[in-house]
Protein backbone atom coordinates (compact mmCIF):
# COMPACT_ATOMS: atom_id res chain seq x y z
CA UNK A 1 77.29 119.20 190.16
CA UNK A 2 79.77 119.64 187.39
CA UNK A 3 83.52 119.02 187.50
CA UNK A 4 84.36 122.61 188.29
CA UNK A 5 81.69 123.00 190.98
CA UNK A 6 82.63 124.10 194.41
CA UNK A 7 80.92 123.20 197.66
CA UNK A 8 78.10 125.40 198.97
CA UNK A 9 79.46 128.15 201.30
CA UNK A 10 83.04 127.68 200.16
CA UNK A 11 85.17 130.67 201.35
CA UNK A 12 85.81 132.84 198.26
CA UNK A 13 89.39 133.69 199.33
CA UNK A 14 90.51 130.02 199.27
CA UNK A 15 90.78 128.38 195.81
CA UNK A 16 88.92 125.06 195.66
CA UNK A 17 91.10 122.13 194.45
CA UNK A 18 89.79 118.98 192.83
CA UNK A 19 93.36 117.58 192.57
CA UNK A 20 96.71 118.40 194.25
CA UNK A 21 98.51 121.57 193.28
CA UNK A 22 102.32 121.44 193.08
CA UNK A 23 104.54 124.31 194.21
CA UNK A 24 107.01 125.40 191.43
CA UNK A 25 110.02 124.51 193.58
CA UNK A 26 109.18 120.77 193.78
CA UNK A 27 112.09 118.90 192.21
CA UNK A 28 111.92 116.02 189.75
CA UNK A 29 113.47 113.78 192.40
CA UNK A 30 110.72 114.68 194.86
CA UNK A 31 108.02 114.04 192.22
CA UNK A 32 109.61 110.72 191.33
CA UNK A 33 109.57 109.61 194.98
CA UNK A 34 105.85 110.53 195.18
CA UNK A 35 105.17 108.29 192.18
CA UNK A 36 106.51 105.16 193.92
CA UNK A 37 103.86 102.94 195.35
CA UNK A 38 105.50 101.47 198.44
CA UNK A 39 104.20 98.29 200.12
CA UNK A 40 102.86 100.25 203.11
CA UNK A 41 100.36 102.11 200.92
CA UNK A 42 97.63 99.57 201.31
CA UNK A 43 94.75 102.04 201.00
CA UNK A 44 93.96 103.79 197.82
CA UNK A 45 91.77 106.30 196.07
CA UNK A 46 90.04 104.42 193.29
CA UNK A 47 90.21 105.56 189.65
CA UNK A 48 86.47 106.02 189.53
CA UNK A 49 86.23 108.48 192.51
CA UNK A 50 84.77 111.64 191.08
CA UNK A 51 86.75 114.82 191.36
CA UNK A 52 85.09 117.85 192.90
CA UNK A 53 82.87 118.25 195.91
CA UNK A 54 82.57 115.19 198.15
CA UNK A 55 79.10 113.58 198.26
CA UNK A 56 79.90 111.61 201.43
CA UNK A 57 80.69 114.50 203.71
CA UNK A 58 81.49 118.08 204.45
CA UNK A 59 82.23 118.50 208.13
CA UNK A 60 79.48 115.94 208.83
CA UNK A 61 78.76 112.55 207.31
CA UNK A 62 76.08 112.69 204.65
CA UNK A 63 75.26 108.98 205.26
CA UNK A 64 76.48 106.17 207.55
CA UNK A 65 80.22 105.60 206.84
CA UNK A 66 81.58 102.17 207.57
CA UNK A 67 84.96 101.53 209.27
CA UNK A 68 87.97 101.93 206.93
CA UNK A 69 85.94 103.87 204.30
CA UNK A 70 87.73 106.56 202.28
CA UNK A 71 85.90 109.80 203.00
CA UNK A 72 87.88 112.16 200.75
CA UNK A 73 91.38 113.07 199.60
CA UNK A 74 93.30 115.91 201.38
CA UNK A 75 94.22 118.35 198.64
CA UNK A 76 96.40 121.33 198.99
CA UNK A 77 99.74 122.67 197.70
CA UNK A 78 102.36 119.97 197.61
CA UNK A 79 105.63 121.62 198.61
CA UNK A 80 109.16 120.97 199.78
CA UNK A 81 109.56 120.85 203.52
CA UNK A 82 113.18 121.99 203.25
CA UNK A 83 114.29 125.63 203.85
CA UNK A 84 113.77 128.11 202.36
CA UNK A 85 110.51 126.75 200.99
CA UNK A 86 109.30 125.40 204.35
CA UNK A 87 109.34 128.89 205.76
CA UNK A 88 106.18 129.70 203.74
CA UNK A 89 104.29 126.88 205.56
CA UNK A 90 105.79 126.95 209.09
CA UNK A 91 102.81 128.76 210.62
CA UNK A 92 100.16 126.87 208.73
CA UNK A 93 97.61 124.81 210.64
CA UNK A 94 96.82 122.90 207.44
CA UNK A 95 100.22 121.45 206.61
CA UNK A 96 100.62 117.63 206.71
CA UNK A 97 103.63 115.43 205.93
CA UNK A 98 103.16 113.60 202.61
CA UNK A 99 106.50 111.85 202.20
CA UNK A 100 109.27 112.35 204.80
CA UNK A 101 111.91 110.63 202.68
CA UNK A 102 111.22 113.07 199.82
CA UNK A 103 110.85 116.06 202.29
CA UNK A 104 107.43 116.77 200.84
CA UNK A 105 104.33 118.00 202.61
CA UNK A 106 100.85 119.15 201.52
CA UNK A 107 99.41 122.45 202.77
CA UNK A 108 95.74 123.34 202.39
CA UNK A 109 96.00 126.76 204.00
CA UNK A 110 95.88 128.83 200.84
CA UNK A 111 94.10 126.29 198.55
CA UNK A 112 92.38 122.96 199.21
CA UNK A 113 89.22 120.97 199.36
CA UNK A 114 86.68 120.05 202.09
CA UNK A 115 89.27 117.97 203.99
CA UNK A 116 90.90 121.20 205.15
CA UNK A 117 87.94 121.79 207.43
CA UNK A 118 88.02 118.43 209.32
CA UNK A 119 88.33 119.29 212.95
CA UNK A 120 90.28 117.75 215.83
CA UNK A 121 88.15 115.63 218.19
CA UNK A 122 89.28 117.40 221.41
CA UNK A 123 86.44 119.21 223.07
CA UNK A 124 83.90 117.59 220.77
CA UNK A 125 83.92 113.87 221.54
CA UNK A 126 85.99 111.39 223.50
CA UNK A 127 87.89 109.96 220.54
CA UNK A 128 88.44 110.65 216.84
CA UNK A 129 86.25 108.78 214.37
CA UNK A 130 88.50 109.36 211.35
CA UNK A 131 92.18 109.72 210.46
CA UNK A 132 94.52 111.29 208.03
CA UNK A 133 96.21 108.51 206.18
CA UNK A 134 98.84 108.27 203.47
CA UNK A 135 97.47 106.33 200.50
CA UNK A 136 97.85 105.71 196.82
CA UNK A 137 95.89 107.83 194.34
CA UNK A 138 95.21 105.50 191.40
CA UNK A 139 93.89 108.43 189.37
CA UNK A 140 97.14 110.33 189.34
CA UNK A 141 99.59 107.45 190.07
CA UNK A 142 101.09 109.08 193.17
CA UNK A 143 101.06 109.14 196.95
CA UNK A 144 98.28 111.23 198.48
CA UNK A 145 96.97 112.17 201.90
CA UNK A 146 93.29 111.36 202.53
CA UNK A 147 90.71 111.15 205.32
CA UNK A 148 89.42 107.68 206.25
CA UNK A 149 86.94 106.44 208.76
CA UNK A 150 88.92 104.77 211.55
CA UNK A 151 89.07 100.94 211.28
CA UNK A 152 86.96 98.89 213.64
CA UNK A 153 89.82 98.26 216.10
CA UNK A 154 90.52 101.99 216.53
CA UNK A 155 87.01 103.35 216.46
CA UNK A 156 84.75 103.86 219.42
CA UNK A 157 80.99 103.23 218.96
CA UNK A 158 79.01 106.20 217.72
CA UNK A 159 75.96 107.57 219.49
CA UNK A 160 73.83 105.22 217.38
CA UNK A 161 75.78 102.25 218.86
CA UNK A 162 77.36 101.23 215.53
CA UNK A 163 80.91 101.44 214.38
CA UNK A 164 82.00 103.89 211.76
CA UNK A 165 80.51 107.39 211.49
CA UNK A 166 76.76 107.77 211.77
CA UNK A 167 74.84 109.95 209.32
CA UNK A 168 74.96 113.54 210.52
CA UNK A 169 77.92 112.99 212.90
CA UNK A 170 80.90 115.38 212.68
CA UNK A 171 83.97 113.90 211.09
CA UNK A 172 86.79 114.29 213.59
CA UNK A 173 90.51 113.37 213.49
CA UNK A 174 93.40 113.70 215.85
CA UNK A 175 95.69 116.50 214.88
CA UNK A 176 98.43 114.74 216.82
CA UNK A 177 100.81 115.63 219.62
CA UNK A 178 103.12 117.50 217.27
CA UNK A 179 100.36 119.89 216.27
CA UNK A 180 99.34 120.66 219.85
CA UNK A 181 103.00 120.93 221.08
CA UNK A 182 103.77 123.47 218.39
CA UNK A 183 100.58 125.40 219.23
CA UNK A 184 101.54 125.45 222.91
CA UNK A 185 105.08 126.72 222.09
CA UNK A 186 103.61 129.50 219.94
CA UNK A 187 101.17 130.52 222.66
CA UNK A 188 103.93 130.61 225.29
CA UNK A 189 106.49 132.46 223.08
CA UNK A 190 107.16 136.02 224.19
CA UNK A 191 105.66 138.71 221.96
CA UNK A 192 108.32 140.58 220.05
């Protein structure tokens, strides 16, 4: 596949991203904070990771994935989480914090890559086998969100009895308590 290729069956209404897209309102200060590699960013996206469709996975692992393995970056529109800009993303199910100090998040609702389709584990399996994790993107020299296989200590055995994610298994994360609390509030809110 070429650089500009998109995954098979990609929804035509959602632009496919092979790198992050930045909202025009992102400030220079916010960008500068994203370009600082802090000591807690121990995981990274290597410079030789190809851009474009992921060969390791879609919603399911294309091969056995070992614990701690980078599956794919989470691309979307990098935006300010401060009002009034946050109002455009408040209802999104695809919005993740990128840097709380910089008040920056990444939202794959209107544009993204395969990572936007990773599902929550609830109702599918007992525990997640992957996680969203803040990391360093060595290709662009900035902080990035990505999907990683859970490390050995956090990952339950797969159906094949090995750690990691077995070939053909669905990649599943935990959306977190905040996501489900917000969803519950929305469901219980009176219709206006």
